[in-house]
Protein backbone atom coordinates (compact mmCIF):
# COMPACT_ATOMS: atom_id res chain seq x y z
CA MET A 1 -2.81 5.13 11.42
CA VAL A 2 0.69 5.82 10.43
CA THR A 3 1.62 9.40 10.43
CA GLY A 4 4.85 11.42 9.78
CA ASP A 5 7.13 12.46 7.06
CA ALA A 6 8.88 9.99 4.76
CA GLY A 7 11.77 12.35 4.30
CA ALA A 8 11.19 13.18 0.62
CA ALA A 9 7.85 15.07 0.90
CA THR A 10 7.45 18.76 1.55
CA ALA A 11 4.41 20.80 2.46
CA ALA A 12 3.68 21.25 -1.21
CA GLU A 13 4.15 17.54 -1.95
CA PRO A 14 2.53 15.65 0.87
CA VAL A 15 2.99 11.91 1.19
CA ARG A 16 0.17 10.03 -0.44
CA TYR A 17 1.39 6.52 0.03
CA LEU A 18 1.36 6.00 3.82
CA PRO A 19 -0.34 2.79 4.97
CA TRP A 20 -4.05 3.58 5.23
CA GLY A 21 -3.51 7.02 3.88
CA THR A 22 -6.13 9.33 2.69
CA VAL A 23 -6.52 9.83 -1.04
CA THR A 24 -8.98 12.44 -2.55
CA ASP A 25 -11.25 11.96 -5.50
CA ARG A 26 -9.06 14.45 -7.29
CA PHE A 27 -6.09 12.20 -7.32
CA TRP A 28 -5.91 11.50 -11.05
CA THR A 29 -7.19 14.93 -12.27
CA THR A 30 -4.50 16.94 -10.51
CA GLY A 31 -1.56 14.77 -11.36
CA ASP A 32 -0.85 12.91 -8.11
CA GLY A 33 -3.77 14.47 -6.40
CA GLY A 34 -3.67 15.54 -2.77
CA THR A 35 -4.73 14.44 0.66
CA GLY A 36 -7.53 15.87 2.81
CA GLY A 37 -9.54 18.83 1.79
CA ALA A 38 -12.88 19.33 0.26
CA GLY A 39 -14.17 16.27 -1.54
CA GLY A 40 -11.51 14.06 -0.03
CA ARG A 41 -12.29 10.56 0.92
CA SER A 42 -10.68 8.74 3.87
CA GLU A 43 -10.31 5.03 3.81
CA THR A 44 -9.69 4.74 7.55
CA GLY A 45 -12.34 3.46 9.82
CA GLY A 46 -12.85 4.60 13.40
CA ASP A 47 -9.92 2.63 14.70
CA GLY A 48 -7.67 3.83 11.94
CA ARG A 49 -7.41 0.63 10.03
CA ALA A 50 -8.24 0.28 6.28
CA GLY A 51 -11.80 0.43 5.37
CA GLY A 52 -14.88 2.02 6.80
CA ASP A 53 -15.74 -1.16 8.73
CA GLY A 54 -12.53 -0.92 10.95
CA GLY A 55 -10.62 -3.15 8.58
CA ARG A 56 -12.85 -6.15 8.52
CA VAL A 57 -13.42 -7.89 5.23
CA THR A 58 -16.98 -7.80 4.17
CA GLY A 59 -19.09 -9.29 1.41
CA SER A 60 -18.35 -12.22 -1.01
CA PRO A 61 -15.81 -13.72 -1.37
CA ALA A 62 -14.51 -12.54 1.91
CA GLU A 63 -17.48 -14.13 3.77
CA ALA A 64 -16.24 -17.51 2.79
CA GLY A 65 -13.05 -17.05 4.82
CA ALA A 66 -14.52 -15.10 7.62
CA ALA A 67 -15.20 -18.11 9.90
CA SER A 68 -11.83 -19.61 9.62
CA HIS A 69 -10.36 -16.18 10.65
CA ALA A 70 -12.78 -15.55 13.62
CA GLU A 71 -10.02 -15.84 16.30
CA ALA A 72 -7.76 -13.26 14.81
CA ASP A 73 -10.46 -11.11 13.57
CA SER A 74 -12.04 -10.95 17.12
CA PRO A 75 -11.63 -7.69 19.13
CA ALA A 76 -8.82 -9.29 20.97
CA GLY A 77 -7.07 -10.49 17.82
CA ARG A 78 -7.48 -7.18 16.16
CA ALA A 79 -6.14 -5.47 19.27
CA ALA A 80 -3.04 -7.70 19.34
CA GLY A 81 -2.27 -6.97 15.66
CA ALA A 82 -2.79 -3.28 16.10
CA GLU A 83 -0.49 -3.37 19.18
CA VAL A 84 2.31 -5.04 17.22
CA LEU A 85 2.06 -2.52 14.41
CA ALA A 86 2.03 0.36 16.82
CA ALA A 87 5.26 -0.87 18.30
CA VAL A 88 6.68 -1.44 14.82
CA MET A 89 6.11 2.15 13.84
CA ALA A 90 7.41 3.46 17.17
CA LEU A 91 10.63 1.70 16.44
CA ALA A 92 10.74 3.28 12.93
CA ALA A 93 9.95 6.72 14.36
CA ALA A 94 12.88 6.22 16.80
CA GLY A 95 15.11 5.52 13.80
CA ASP A 96 15.46 1.71 14.44
CA LEU A 97 14.39 0.51 11.09
CA GLY A 98 16.12 -2.85 11.32
CA GLN A 99 14.17 -3.75 14.63
CA ALA A 100 10.97 -2.39 13.07
CA SER A 101 11.30 -4.50 9.97
CA SER A 102 12.19 -7.60 11.98
CA ARG A 103 9.21 -7.22 14.24
CA ALA A 104 6.82 -6.69 11.34
CA ARG A 105 8.32 -9.72 9.51
CA ARG A 106 7.85 -11.91 12.63
CA ARG A 107 4.18 -10.74 12.92
CA GLU A 108 3.54 -11.57 9.29
CA GLU A 109 5.07 -15.03 9.80
CA GLU A 110 2.87 -15.64 12.84
CA VAL A 111 -0.29 -14.74 11.00
CA ARG A 112 0.67 -16.87 7.98
CA ARG A 113 1.40 -19.81 10.09
CA ALA A 114 -1.86 -19.44 12.06
CA PHE A 115 -4.36 -18.46 9.47
CA GLY A 116 -2.86 -18.87 5.93
CA ASP A 117 -2.05 -16.46 3.16
CA ARG A 118 -5.51 -14.81 2.85
CA HIS A 119 -6.01 -13.19 6.25
CA PRO A 120 -7.00 -9.54 6.37
CA GLU A 121 -4.33 -8.77 8.90
CA LEU A 122 -1.76 -9.35 6.10
CA VAL A 123 -3.07 -6.28 4.36
CA ASP A 124 -2.07 -4.03 7.18
CA ILE A 125 1.27 -5.79 7.76
CA GLY A 126 2.24 -5.80 4.11
CA GLU A 127 1.65 -2.16 3.68
CA VAL A 128 3.67 -1.40 6.72
CA ARG A 129 6.52 -3.59 5.56
CA GLY A 130 6.41 -1.90 2.26
CA TYR A 131 6.56 1.55 3.91
CA LEU A 132 9.45 0.42 5.99
CA ALA A 133 11.42 -0.68 2.89
CA HIS A 134 10.72 2.62 1.31
CA LEU A 135 12.15 4.46 4.38
CA ALA A 136 15.22 2.07 4.19
CA ALA A 137 15.72 3.11 0.52
CA ASP A 138 14.71 -0.39 -0.73
CA HIS A 139 12.34 1.09 -3.18
CA ALA A 140 11.80 -1.80 -5.55
CA THR A 141 10.96 -4.04 -2.59
CA ALA A 142 8.67 -1.31 -1.33
CA VAL A 143 6.60 -1.13 -4.45
CA ARG A 144 6.51 -4.89 -4.74
CA ARG A 145 5.14 -5.17 -1.16
CA TYR A 146 2.43 -2.61 -2.02
CA LEU A 147 1.64 -4.68 -5.19
CA ASP A 148 1.29 -7.84 -3.07
CA VAL A 149 -1.10 -5.98 -0.77
CA LEU A 150 -3.02 -4.65 -3.74
CA ARG A 151 -3.43 -8.17 -5.16
CA LEU A 152 -4.57 -9.46 -1.80
CA ARG A 153 -7.02 -6.64 -1.38
CA ALA A 154 -8.52 -7.41 -4.76
CA GLU A 155 -8.76 -11.05 -3.91
CA LEU A 156 -10.51 -10.42 -0.56
CA HIS A 157 -12.65 -7.40 -1.50
CA GLY A 158 -12.92 -7.59 -5.31
CA PRO A 159 -11.24 -5.24 -7.86
CA ASP A 160 -14.11 -2.81 -7.72
CA HIS A 161 -14.11 -2.41 -3.96
CA PRO A 162 -13.23 1.19 -2.83
CA ASP A 163 -10.39 -0.25 -0.64
CA THR A 164 -8.77 -1.69 -3.78
CA GLU A 165 -9.22 1.38 -5.70
CA LEU A 166 -7.46 3.32 -2.97
CA ALA A 167 -4.73 0.73 -2.79
CA VAL A 168 -4.10 1.21 -6.60
CA ARG A 169 -3.78 4.98 -5.94
CA ARG A 170 -1.27 4.44 -3.02
CA THR A 171 0.78 2.04 -4.96
CA TYR A 172 0.97 4.35 -8.00
CA SER A 173 1.85 7.24 -5.64
CA LEU A 174 4.64 5.29 -4.14
CA TRP A 175 5.78 4.20 -7.55
CA ARG A 176 6.08 7.81 -8.53
CA ALA A 177 8.12 8.80 -5.58
CA VAL A 178 10.94 6.29 -6.03
CA PRO A 179 14.05 6.87 -8.25
CA ALA A 180 13.69 6.36 -11.90
CA ALA A 181 15.74 3.17 -12.12
CA ASP A 182 13.67 1.44 -9.33
CA ALA A 183 10.38 2.71 -10.96
CA LEU A 184 11.49 1.25 -14.34
CA ALA A 185 12.37 -2.02 -12.70
CA VAL A 186 9.00 -2.56 -11.15
CA GLY A 187 6.87 -0.52 -13.64
CA PRO A 188 5.94 -3.53 -15.95
CA GLU A 189 4.77 -5.55 -12.90
CA LEU A 190 2.73 -2.59 -11.63
CA LEU A 191 1.21 -2.06 -15.09
CA SER A 192 0.40 -5.75 -15.56
CA THR A 193 -1.12 -6.00 -12.12
CA VAL A 194 -3.33 -2.80 -12.57
CA VAL A 195 -4.35 -3.88 -16.14
CA SER A 196 -5.36 -7.42 -14.82
CA LEU A 197 -7.52 -5.90 -12.03
CA LEU A 198 -8.93 -2.72 -13.72
CA GLY A 199 -8.45 -3.17 -17.41
CA PRO A 200 -6.11 -1.54 -19.94
CA ALA A 201 -8.46 1.53 -20.31
CA SER A 202 -8.54 2.20 -16.60
CA VAL A 203 -7.27 5.65 -15.47
CA ALA A 204 -4.53 4.16 -13.44
CA GLY A 205 -3.30 1.83 -16.35
CA LEU A 206 -3.16 4.79 -18.75
CA HIS A 207 -1.18 6.87 -16.24
CA ILE A 208 1.35 4.12 -15.67
CA ALA A 209 1.56 3.23 -19.39
CA ASN A 210 2.14 6.90 -20.20
CA ARG A 211 4.92 7.34 -17.71
CA LEU A 212 7.00 4.20 -18.53
CA PRO A 213 8.44 5.52 -21.89
CA GLY A 214 9.81 8.56 -20.03
CA LEU A 215 11.43 6.41 -17.43
CA LEU A 216 13.16 4.40 -20.09
CA ARG A 217 14.39 7.40 -21.78
CA ALA A 218 15.68 8.73 -18.46
CA SER A 219 17.44 5.53 -17.72
CA ALA A 220 19.15 5.19 -21.08
CA PRO A 221 22.87 5.69 -21.15
CA LEU A 222 24.08 8.95 -22.66
CA PRO A 223 25.72 8.64 -26.00
CA PRO A 224 29.43 9.07 -26.15
CA THR A 225 30.76 12.56 -26.84
């Protein structure tokens, strides 16, 4: 599990968009919610990967793809992927974001070449790459990578799966943390993705739709004086 401070967060404003982070059930009712505490729900399994089953995809339609991914989803395959991501985050913690991003990209390319575009490990890699982009101040790319992961989670698990719900919350939390201009640039894609998965009356969709007009006003040029 990735830990640490993204730089912008304080003790009163904890980071809520770390890969595989914890999001409480009070998330929407308290603005951006919080992490940990009573009533909180962690999405991490015993090995720190997303999902209570250790990151493995379960249920239909994931079962259809499980056999073709058996090698990479074996204990040895999962260990190899976890080792790479641990090395990536060690590089990032040491301040070498360039090398961290390159190593994560290479791992993603390796997995795609070997197993296609629907392998569960791409969820882990995608969130880490999005977080690295955020650390590098490439905020629009960061949100778009989280959106890619959200769509993949929904495809693998289904839109009603708890992992998908938690990915929506993390993506929304990251979007709220980026500068207004970047948030406005990716806001329509975020809204359309959430609406397509959860519906226009979903809590997430309403929060996003309610925030977009304010971003538009904040980004408008000031009238000449």
